[in-house]
Amino acid sequence: MPPLEGPEKALDWGERSRHRLMTAAHTALVVEGTWEEADWAELEEKARNVTQAGWWIDQRESEGADLLELLEAAGESDRGTENPFR
């Protein structure tokens, strides 16, 4: 996963929140669910694009099975960009 962006004091919390939610999602969707690894790879790619620590912190109480819906609802400001002038 790429490094998160945001205030310095939110980065560690964001990393922990992202890790917990990604782990819960993998368990719910792949291990206990019906997803194949190819489906998971697509979700993981969407998760890589959300680089704002605050977004992951805001989702910390979410269920793993809801991660795809949450990622699809993420706004443009939650996603990383290569444009330094955004």
PDB file of N, CA and C in Angstrom:
ATOM      1  N   MET A   1       0.837  -1.179   0.000  1.00  0.00           N
ATOM      2  CA  MET A   1       0.000   0.000   0.000  1.00  0.00           C
ATOM      3  C   MET A   1       0.884   1.245   0.000  1.00  0.00           C
ATOM      4  N   PRO A   2       0.443   2.269  -0.688  1.00  0.00           N
ATOM      5  CA  PRO A   2       1.224   3.507  -0.728  1.00  0.00           C
ATOM      6  C   PRO A   2       1.143   4.249   0.610  1.00  0.00           C
ATOM      7  N   PRO A   3       2.103   5.119   0.863  1.00  0.00           N
ATOM      8  CA  PRO A   3       2.049   5.915   2.094  1.00  0.00           C
ATOM      9  C   PRO A   3       0.808   6.807   2.087  1.00  0.00           C
ATOM     10  N   LEU A   4       0.306   7.082   3.267  1.00  0.00           N
ATOM     11  CA  LEU A   4      -0.863   7.950   3.390  1.00  0.00           C
ATOM     12  C   LEU A   4      -0.430   9.405   3.465  1.00  0.00           C
ATOM     13  N   GLU A   5      -1.366  10.283   3.149  1.00  0.00           N
ATOM     14  CA  GLU A   5      -1.136  11.718   3.204  1.00  0.00           C
ATOM     15  C   GLU A   5      -2.017  12.304   4.296  1.00  0.00           C
ATOM     16  N   GLY A   6      -1.562  13.396   4.872  1.00  0.00           N
ATOM     17  CA  GLY A   6      -2.353  14.080   5.886  1.00  0.00           C
ATOM     18  C   GLY A   6      -1.462  14.608   6.987  1.00  0.00           C
ATOM     19  N   PRO A   7      -2.071  15.112   8.060  1.00  0.00           N
ATOM     20  CA  PRO A   7      -1.292  15.629   9.180  1.00  0.00           C
ATOM     21  C   PRO A   7      -0.410  14.532   9.785  1.00  0.00           C
ATOM     22  N   GLU A   8       0.762  14.910  10.197  1.00  0.00           N
ATOM     23  CA  GLU A   8       1.735  13.948  10.731  1.00  0.00           C
ATOM     24  C   GLU A   8       1.145  13.063  11.829  1.00  0.00           C
ATOM     25  N   LYS A   9       0.386  13.660  12.752  1.00  0.00           N
ATOM     26  CA  LYS A   9      -0.140  12.871  13.868  1.00  0.00           C
ATOM     27  C   LYS A   9      -1.270  11.928  13.449  1.00  0.00           C
ATOM     28  N   ALA A  10      -1.821  12.086  12.249  1.00  0.00           N
ATOM     29  CA  ALA A  10      -2.887  11.203  11.776  1.00  0.00           C
ATOM     30  C   ALA A  10      -2.358  10.023  10.960  1.00  0.00           C
ATOM     31  N   LEU A  11      -1.113  10.080  10.533  1.00  0.00           N
ATOM     32  CA  LEU A  11      -0.591   9.059   9.621  1.00  0.00           C
ATOM     33  C   LEU A  11      -0.571   7.662  10.242  1.00  0.00           C
ATOM     34  N   ASP A  12      -0.050   7.538  11.464  1.00  0.00           N
ATOM     35  CA  ASP A  12      -0.003   6.217  12.106  1.00  0.00           C
ATOM     36  C   ASP A  12      -1.404   5.668  12.348  1.00  0.00           C
ATOM     37  N   TRP A  13      -2.292   6.532  12.815  1.00  0.00           N
ATOM     38  CA  TRP A  13      -3.670   6.122  13.064  1.00  0.00           C
ATOM     39  C   TRP A  13      -4.339   5.694  11.758  1.00  0.00           C
ATOM     40  N   GLY A  14      -4.097   6.436  10.705  1.00  0.00           N
ATOM     41  CA  GLY A  14      -4.641   6.097   9.397  1.00  0.00           C
ATOM     42  C   GLY A  14      -4.113   4.754   8.901  1.00  0.00           C
ATOM     43  N   GLU A  15      -2.822   4.517   9.093  1.00  0.00           N
ATOM     44  CA  GLU A  15      -2.220   3.236   8.694  1.00  0.00           C
ATOM     45  C   GLU A  15      -2.863   2.075   9.457  1.00  0.00           C
ATOM     46  N   ARG A  16      -3.023   2.246  10.762  1.00  0.00           N
ATOM     47  CA  ARG A  16      -3.636   1.184  11.567  1.00  0.00           C
ATOM     48  C   ARG A  16      -5.091   0.960  11.148  1.00  0.00           C
ATOM     49  N   SER A  17      -5.805   2.039  10.899  1.00  0.00           N
ATOM     50  CA  SER A  17      -7.204   1.922  10.486  1.00  0.00           C
ATOM     51  C   SER A  17      -7.312   1.222   9.134  1.00  0.00           C
ATOM     52  N   ARG A  18      -6.439   1.592   8.199  1.00  0.00           N
ATOM     53  CA  ARG A  18      -6.446   0.962   6.874  1.00  0.00           C
ATOM     54  C   ARG A  18      -6.130  -0.521   6.992  1.00  0.00           C
ATOM     55  N   HIS A  19      -5.115  -0.852   7.776  1.00  0.00           N
ATOM     56  CA  HIS A  19      -4.728  -2.253   7.942  1.00  0.00           C
ATOM     57  C   HIS A  19      -5.871  -3.070   8.541  1.00  0.00           C
ATOM     58  N   ARG A  20      -6.514  -2.533   9.581  1.00  0.00           N
ATOM     59  CA  ARG A  20      -7.604  -3.255  10.234  1.00  0.00           C
ATOM     60  C   ARG A  20      -8.766  -3.470   9.269  1.00  0.00           C
ATOM     61  N   LEU A  21      -9.135  -2.426   8.531  1.00  0.00           N
ATOM     62  CA  LEU A  21     -10.267  -2.540   7.621  1.00  0.00           C
ATOM     63  C   LEU A  21      -9.951  -3.452   6.439  1.00  0.00           C
ATOM     64  N   MET A  22      -8.763  -3.371   5.905  1.00  0.00           N
ATOM     65  CA  MET A  22      -8.379  -4.247   4.794  1.00  0.00           C
ATOM     66  C   MET A  22      -8.355  -5.710   5.244  1.00  0.00           C
ATOM     67  N   THR A  23      -7.830  -5.963   6.436  1.00  0.00           N
ATOM     68  CA  THR A  23      -7.790  -7.328   6.965  1.00  0.00           C
ATOM     69  C   THR A  23      -9.198  -7.858   7.190  1.00  0.00           C
ATOM     70  N   ALA A  24     -10.066  -7.017   7.776  1.00  0.00           N
ATOM     71  CA  ALA A  24     -11.454  -7.428   8.012  1.00  0.00           C
ATOM     72  C   ALA A  24     -12.169  -7.688   6.691  1.00  0.00           C
ATOM     73  N   ALA A  25     -11.906  -6.861   5.691  1.00  0.00           N
ATOM     74  CA  ALA A  25     -12.538  -7.041   4.383  1.00  0.00           C
ATOM     75  C   ALA A  25     -12.079  -8.336   3.726  1.00  0.00           C
ATOM     76  N   HIS A  26     -10.798  -8.625   3.788  1.00  0.00           N
ATOM     77  CA  HIS A  26     -10.286  -9.859   3.182  1.00  0.00           C
ATOM     78  C   HIS A  26     -10.914 -11.069   3.854  1.00  0.00           C
ATOM     79  N   THR A  27     -10.993 -11.037   5.161  1.00  0.00           N
ATOM     80  CA  THR A  27     -11.601 -12.146   5.889  1.00  0.00           C
ATOM     81  C   THR A  27     -13.062 -12.316   5.494  1.00  0.00           C
ATOM     82  N   ALA A  28     -13.814 -11.216   5.497  1.00  0.00           N
ATOM     83  CA  ALA A  28     -15.248 -11.292   5.208  1.00  0.00           C
ATOM     84  C   ALA A  28     -15.538 -11.667   3.756  1.00  0.00           C
ATOM     85  N   LEU A  29     -14.774 -11.126   2.834  1.00  0.00           N
ATOM     86  CA  LEU A  29     -15.091 -11.305   1.423  1.00  0.00           C
ATOM     87  C   LEU A  29     -14.429 -12.514   0.775  1.00  0.00           C
ATOM     88  N   VAL A  30     -13.198 -12.812   1.162  1.00  0.00           N
ATOM     89  CA  VAL A  30     -12.453 -13.899   0.515  1.00  0.00           C
ATOM     90  C   VAL A  30     -12.439 -15.154   1.373  1.00  0.00           C
ATOM     91  N   VAL A  31     -11.965 -15.022   2.613  1.00  0.00           N
ATOM     92  CA  VAL A  31     -11.815 -16.203   3.469  1.00  0.00           C
ATOM     93  C   VAL A  31     -13.176 -16.807   3.822  1.00  0.00           C
ATOM     94  N   GLU A  32     -14.095 -15.961   4.290  1.00  0.00           N
ATOM     95  CA  GLU A  32     -15.409 -16.456   4.701  1.00  0.00           C
ATOM     96  C   GLU A  32     -16.476 -16.256   3.626  1.00  0.00           C
ATOM     97  N   GLY A  33     -16.165 -15.441   2.619  1.00  0.00           N
ATOM     98  CA  GLY A  33     -17.146 -15.125   1.585  1.00  0.00           C
ATOM     99  C   GLY A  33     -16.918 -15.900   0.307  1.00  0.00           C
ATOM    100  N   THR A  34     -17.401 -15.336  -0.784  1.00  0.00           N
ATOM    101  CA  THR A  34     -17.369 -16.034  -2.074  1.00  0.00           C
ATOM    102  C   THR A  34     -16.429 -15.395  -3.083  1.00  0.00           C
ATOM    103  N   TRP A  35     -15.692 -14.376  -2.676  1.00  0.00           N
ATOM    104  CA  TRP A  35     -14.800 -13.694  -3.616  1.00  0.00           C
ATOM    105  C   TRP A  35     -13.597 -14.550  -3.957  1.00  0.00           C
ATOM    106  N   GLU A  36     -13.153 -14.397  -5.196  1.00  0.00           N
ATOM    107  CA  GLU A  36     -11.904 -15.004  -5.660  1.00  0.00           C
ATOM    108  C   GLU A  36     -10.777 -13.994  -5.437  1.00  0.00           C
ATOM    109  N   GLU A  37      -9.555 -14.462  -5.528  1.00  0.00           N
ATOM    110  CA  GLU A  37      -8.404 -13.571  -5.354  1.00  0.00           C
ATOM    111  C   GLU A  37      -8.386 -12.472  -6.419  1.00  0.00           C
ATOM    112  N   ALA A  38      -8.886 -12.749  -7.610  1.00  0.00           N
ATOM    113  CA  ALA A  38      -8.930 -11.731  -8.669  1.00  0.00           C
ATOM    114  C   ALA A  38      -9.880 -10.595  -8.279  1.00  0.00           C
ATOM    115  N   ASP A  39     -11.001 -10.941  -7.652  1.00  0.00           N
ATOM    116  CA  ASP A  39     -11.936  -9.916  -7.168  1.00  0.00           C
ATOM    117  C   ASP A  39     -11.262  -9.071  -6.096  1.00  0.00           C
ATOM    118  N   TRP A  40     -10.534  -9.737  -5.218  1.00  0.00           N
ATOM    119  CA  TRP A  40      -9.832  -9.027  -4.146  1.00  0.00           C
ATOM    120  C   TRP A  40      -8.782  -8.084  -4.724  1.00  0.00           C
ATOM    121  N   ALA A  41      -8.086  -8.514  -5.754  1.00  0.00           N
ATOM    122  CA  ALA A  41      -7.053  -7.679  -6.373  1.00  0.00           C
ATOM    123  C   ALA A  41      -7.652  -6.379  -6.902  1.00  0.00           C
ATOM    124  N   GLU A  42      -8.858  -6.432  -7.447  1.00  0.00           N
ATOM    125  CA  GLU A  42      -9.529  -5.223  -7.931  1.00  0.00           C
ATOM    126  C   GLU A  42      -9.860  -4.284  -6.777  1.00  0.00           C
ATOM    127  N   LEU A  43     -10.375  -4.832  -5.696  1.00  0.00           N
ATOM    128  CA  LEU A  43     -10.694  -4.013  -4.526  1.00  0.00           C
ATOM    129  C   LEU A  43      -9.419  -3.400  -3.945  1.00  0.00           C
ATOM    130  N   GLU A  44      -8.372  -4.188  -3.889  1.00  0.00           N
ATOM    131  CA  GLU A  44      -7.101  -3.704  -3.352  1.00  0.00           C
ATOM    132  C   GLU A  44      -6.564  -2.536  -4.179  1.00  0.00           C
ATOM    133  N   GLU A  45      -6.743  -2.595  -5.488  1.00  0.00           N
ATOM    134  CA  GLU A  45      -6.303  -1.494  -6.349  1.00  0.00           C
ATOM    135  C   GLU A  45      -7.100  -0.227  -6.058  1.00  0.00           C
ATOM    136  N   LYS A  46      -8.390  -0.359  -5.839  1.00  0.00           N
ATOM    137  CA  LYS A  46      -9.207   0.802  -5.467  1.00  0.00           C
ATOM    138  C   LYS A  46      -8.742   1.368  -4.128  1.00  0.00           C
ATOM    139  N   ALA A  47      -8.402   0.504  -3.193  1.00  0.00           N
ATOM    140  CA  ALA A  47      -7.950   0.951  -1.871  1.00  0.00           C
ATOM    141  C   ALA A  47      -6.622   1.694  -1.976  1.00  0.00           C
ATOM    142  N   ARG A  48      -5.766   1.285  -2.877  1.00  0.00           N
ATOM    143  CA  ARG A  48      -4.476   1.958  -3.062  1.00  0.00           C
ATOM    144  C   ARG A  48      -4.654   3.415  -3.486  1.00  0.00           C
ATOM    145  N   ASN A  49      -5.748   3.719  -4.158  1.00  0.00           N
ATOM    146  CA  ASN A  49      -5.980   5.075  -4.642  1.00  0.00           C
ATOM    147  C   ASN A  49      -6.468   6.030  -3.558  1.00  0.00           C
ATOM    148  N   VAL A  50      -6.946   5.505  -2.444  1.00  0.00           N
ATOM    149  CA  VAL A  50      -7.425   6.353  -1.346  1.00  0.00           C
ATOM    150  C   VAL A  50      -6.252   6.547  -0.391  1.00  0.00           C
ATOM    151  N   THR A  51      -5.642   7.719  -0.471  1.00  0.00           N
ATOM    152  CA  THR A  51      -4.394   7.949   0.269  1.00  0.00           C
ATOM    153  C   THR A  51      -4.519   8.946   1.419  1.00  0.00           C
ATOM    154  N   GLN A  52      -5.704   9.447   1.669  1.00  0.00           N
ATOM    155  CA  GLN A  52      -5.883  10.390   2.769  1.00  0.00           C
ATOM    156  C   GLN A  52      -6.074   9.632   4.079  1.00  0.00           C
ATOM    157  N   ALA A  53      -5.192   9.861   5.030  1.00  0.00           N
ATOM    158  CA  ALA A  53      -5.264   9.183   6.325  1.00  0.00           C
ATOM    159  C   ALA A  53      -6.622   9.414   6.981  1.00  0.00           C
ATOM    160  N   GLY A  54      -7.151  10.619   6.867  1.00  0.00           N
ATOM    161  CA  GLY A  54      -8.428  10.942   7.482  1.00  0.00           C
ATOM    162  C   GLY A  54      -9.578  10.089   6.977  1.00  0.00           C
ATOM    163  N   TRP A  55      -9.546   9.721   5.698  1.00  0.00           N
ATOM    164  CA  TRP A  55     -10.614   8.877   5.152  1.00  0.00           C
ATOM    165  C   TRP A  55     -10.601   7.522   5.843  1.00  0.00           C
ATOM    166  N   TRP A  56      -9.416   6.945   5.987  1.00  0.00           N
ATOM    167  CA  TRP A  56      -9.309   5.629   6.627  1.00  0.00           C
ATOM    168  C   TRP A  56      -9.694   5.711   8.103  1.00  0.00           C
ATOM    169  N   ILE A  57      -9.326   6.794   8.756  1.00  0.00           N
ATOM    170  CA  ILE A  57      -9.700   6.973  10.154  1.00  0.00           C
ATOM    171  C   ILE A  57     -11.223   7.073  10.270  1.00  0.00           C
ATOM    172  N   ASP A  58     -11.846   7.810   9.374  1.00  0.00           N
ATOM    173  CA  ASP A  58     -13.305   7.952   9.401  1.00  0.00           C
ATOM    174  C   ASP A  58     -14.019   6.620   9.192  1.00  0.00           C
ATOM    175  N   GLN A  59     -13.389   5.674   8.505  1.00  0.00           N
ATOM    176  CA  GLN A  59     -14.010   4.374   8.218  1.00  0.00           C
ATOM    177  C   GLN A  59     -13.655   3.312   9.256  1.00  0.00           C
ATOM    178  N   ARG A  60     -12.952   3.687  10.312  1.00  0.00           N
ATOM    179  CA  ARG A  60     -12.406   2.705  11.259  1.00  0.00           C
ATOM    180  C   ARG A  60     -13.448   1.810  11.924  1.00  0.00           C
ATOM    181  N   GLU A  61     -14.686   2.249  12.028  1.00  0.00           N
ATOM    182  CA  GLU A  61     -15.738   1.446  12.658  1.00  0.00           C
ATOM    183  C   GLU A  61     -16.548   0.643  11.639  1.00  0.00           C
ATOM    184  N   SER A  62     -16.193   0.739  10.375  1.00  0.00           N
ATOM    185  CA  SER A  62     -16.955   0.078   9.310  1.00  0.00           C
ATOM    186  C   SER A  62     -16.701  -1.424   9.306  1.00  0.00           C
ATOM    187  N   GLU A  63     -17.654  -2.136   8.756  1.00  0.00           N
ATOM    188  CA  GLU A  63     -17.531  -3.581   8.589  1.00  0.00           C
ATOM    189  C   GLU A  63     -16.687  -3.865   7.351  1.00  0.00           C
ATOM    190  N   GLY A  64     -15.890  -4.906   7.397  1.00  0.00           N
ATOM    191  CA  GLY A  64     -15.047  -5.265   6.269  1.00  0.00           C
ATOM    192  C   GLY A  64     -15.827  -5.538   4.998  1.00  0.00           C
ATOM    193  N   ALA A  65     -17.001  -6.133   5.134  1.00  0.00           N
ATOM    194  CA  ALA A  65     -17.815  -6.463   3.965  1.00  0.00           C
ATOM    195  C   ALA A  65     -18.305  -5.211   3.235  1.00  0.00           C
ATOM    196  N   ASP A  66     -18.264  -4.066   3.886  1.00  0.00           N
ATOM    197  CA  ASP A  66     -18.732  -2.817   3.283  1.00  0.00           C
ATOM    198  C   ASP A  66     -17.639  -2.042   2.565  1.00  0.00           C
ATOM    199  N   LEU A  67     -16.424  -2.546   2.572  1.00  0.00           N
ATOM    200  CA  LEU A  67     -15.297  -1.774   2.049  1.00  0.00           C
ATOM    201  C   LEU A  67     -15.463  -1.395   0.574  1.00  0.00           C
ATOM    202  N   LEU A  68     -15.925  -2.286  -0.270  1.00  0.00           N
ATOM    203  CA  LEU A  68     -16.076  -1.954  -1.687  1.00  0.00           C
ATOM    204  C   LEU A  68     -17.015  -0.760  -1.863  1.00  0.00           C
ATOM    205  N   GLU A  69     -18.144  -0.780  -1.191  1.00  0.00           N
ATOM    206  CA  GLU A  69     -19.105   0.326  -1.276  1.00  0.00           C
ATOM    207  C   GLU A  69     -18.485   1.631  -0.759  1.00  0.00           C
ATOM    208  N   LEU A  70     -17.736   1.547   0.314  1.00  0.00           N
ATOM    209  CA  LEU A  70     -17.086   2.732   0.872  1.00  0.00           C
ATOM    210  C   LEU A  70     -16.060   3.310  -0.105  1.00  0.00           C
ATOM    211  N   LEU A  71     -15.277   2.447  -0.711  1.00  0.00           N
ATOM    212  CA  LEU A  71     -14.261   2.908  -1.664  1.00  0.00           C
ATOM    213  C   LEU A  71     -14.897   3.549  -2.886  1.00  0.00           C
ATOM    214  N   GLU A  72     -16.001   2.996  -3.343  1.00  0.00           N
ATOM    215  CA  GLU A  72     -16.675   3.561  -4.504  1.00  0.00           C
ATOM    216  C   GLU A  72     -17.287   4.920  -4.183  1.00  0.00           C
ATOM    217  N   ALA A  73     -17.625   5.147  -2.925  1.00  0.00           N
ATOM    218  CA  ALA A  73     -18.218   6.417  -2.505  1.00  0.00           C
ATOM    219  C   ALA A  73     -17.159   7.459  -2.125  1.00  0.00           C
ATOM    220  N   ALA A  74     -15.900   7.053  -2.064  1.00  0.00           N
ATOM    221  CA  ALA A  74     -14.831   7.989  -1.685  1.00  0.00           C
ATOM    222  C   ALA A  74     -14.762   9.132  -2.690  1.00  0.00           C
ATOM    223  N   GLY A  75     -14.601  10.336  -2.178  1.00  0.00           N
ATOM    224  CA  GLY A  75     -14.545  11.521  -3.028  1.00  0.00           C
ATOM    225  C   GLY A  75     -13.182  11.723  -3.659  1.00  0.00           C
ATOM    226  N   GLU A  76     -13.137  12.630  -4.606  1.00  0.00           N
ATOM    227  CA  GLU A  76     -11.892  12.947  -5.309  1.00  0.00           C
ATOM    228  C   GLU A  76     -10.817  13.437  -4.341  1.00  0.00           C
ATOM    229  N   SER A  77     -11.224  14.161  -3.301  1.00  0.00           N
ATOM    230  CA  SER A  77     -10.243  14.684  -2.335  1.00  0.00           C
ATOM    231  C   SER A  77      -9.645  13.584  -1.469  1.00  0.00           C
ATOM    232  N   ASP A  78     -10.259  12.409  -1.450  1.00  0.00           N
ATOM    233  CA  ASP A  78      -9.734  11.278  -0.669  1.00  0.00           C
ATOM    234  C   ASP A  78      -8.702  10.480  -1.445  1.00  0.00           C
ATOM    235  N   ARG A  79      -8.689  10.667  -2.742  1.00  0.00           N
ATOM    236  CA  ARG A  79      -7.799   9.894  -3.622  1.00  0.00           C
ATOM    237  C   ARG A  79      -6.508  10.646  -3.865  1.00  0.00           C
ATOM    238  N   GLY A  80      -5.444   9.900  -4.022  1.00  0.00           N
ATOM    239  CA  GLY A  80      -4.168  10.501  -4.332  1.00  0.00           C
ATOM    240  C   GLY A  80      -4.117  10.974  -5.777  1.00  0.00           C
ATOM    241  N   THR A  81      -3.182  11.823  -6.052  1.00  0.00           N
ATOM    242  CA  THR A  81      -3.006  12.305  -7.417  1.00  0.00           C
ATOM    243  C   THR A  81      -1.543  12.616  -7.649  1.00  0.00           C
ATOM    244  N   GLU A  82      -1.144  12.537  -8.879  1.00  0.00           N
ATOM    245  CA  GLU A  82       0.230  12.907  -9.208  1.00  0.00           C
ATOM    246  C   GLU A  82       0.351  14.390  -9.467  1.00  0.00           C
ATOM    247  N   ASN A  83      -0.749  15.100  -9.441  1.00  0.00           N
ATOM    248  CA  ASN A  83      -0.751  16.532  -9.684  1.00  0.00           C
ATOM    249  C   ASN A  83      -0.403  17.269  -8.401  1.00  0.00           C
ATOM    250  N   PRO A  84       0.758  17.908  -8.324  1.00  0.00           N
ATOM    251  CA  PRO A  84       1.152  18.593  -7.100  1.00  0.00           C
ATOM    252  C   PRO A  84       0.376  19.885  -6.865  1.00  0.00           C
ATOM    253  N   PHE A  85      -0.394  20.353  -7.847  1.00  0.00           N
ATOM    254  CA  PHE A  85      -1.118  21.617  -7.738  1.00  0.00           C
ATOM    255  C   PHE A  85      -2.588  21.426  -7.420  1.00  0.00           C
ATOM    256  N   ARG A  86      -3.000  20.233  -7.074  1.00  0.00           N
ATOM    257  CA  ARG A  86      -4.404  19.938  -6.782  1.00  0.00           C
ATOM    258  C   ARG A  86      -4.854  20.655  -5.556  1.00  0.00           C
TER     259      ARG A  86
END
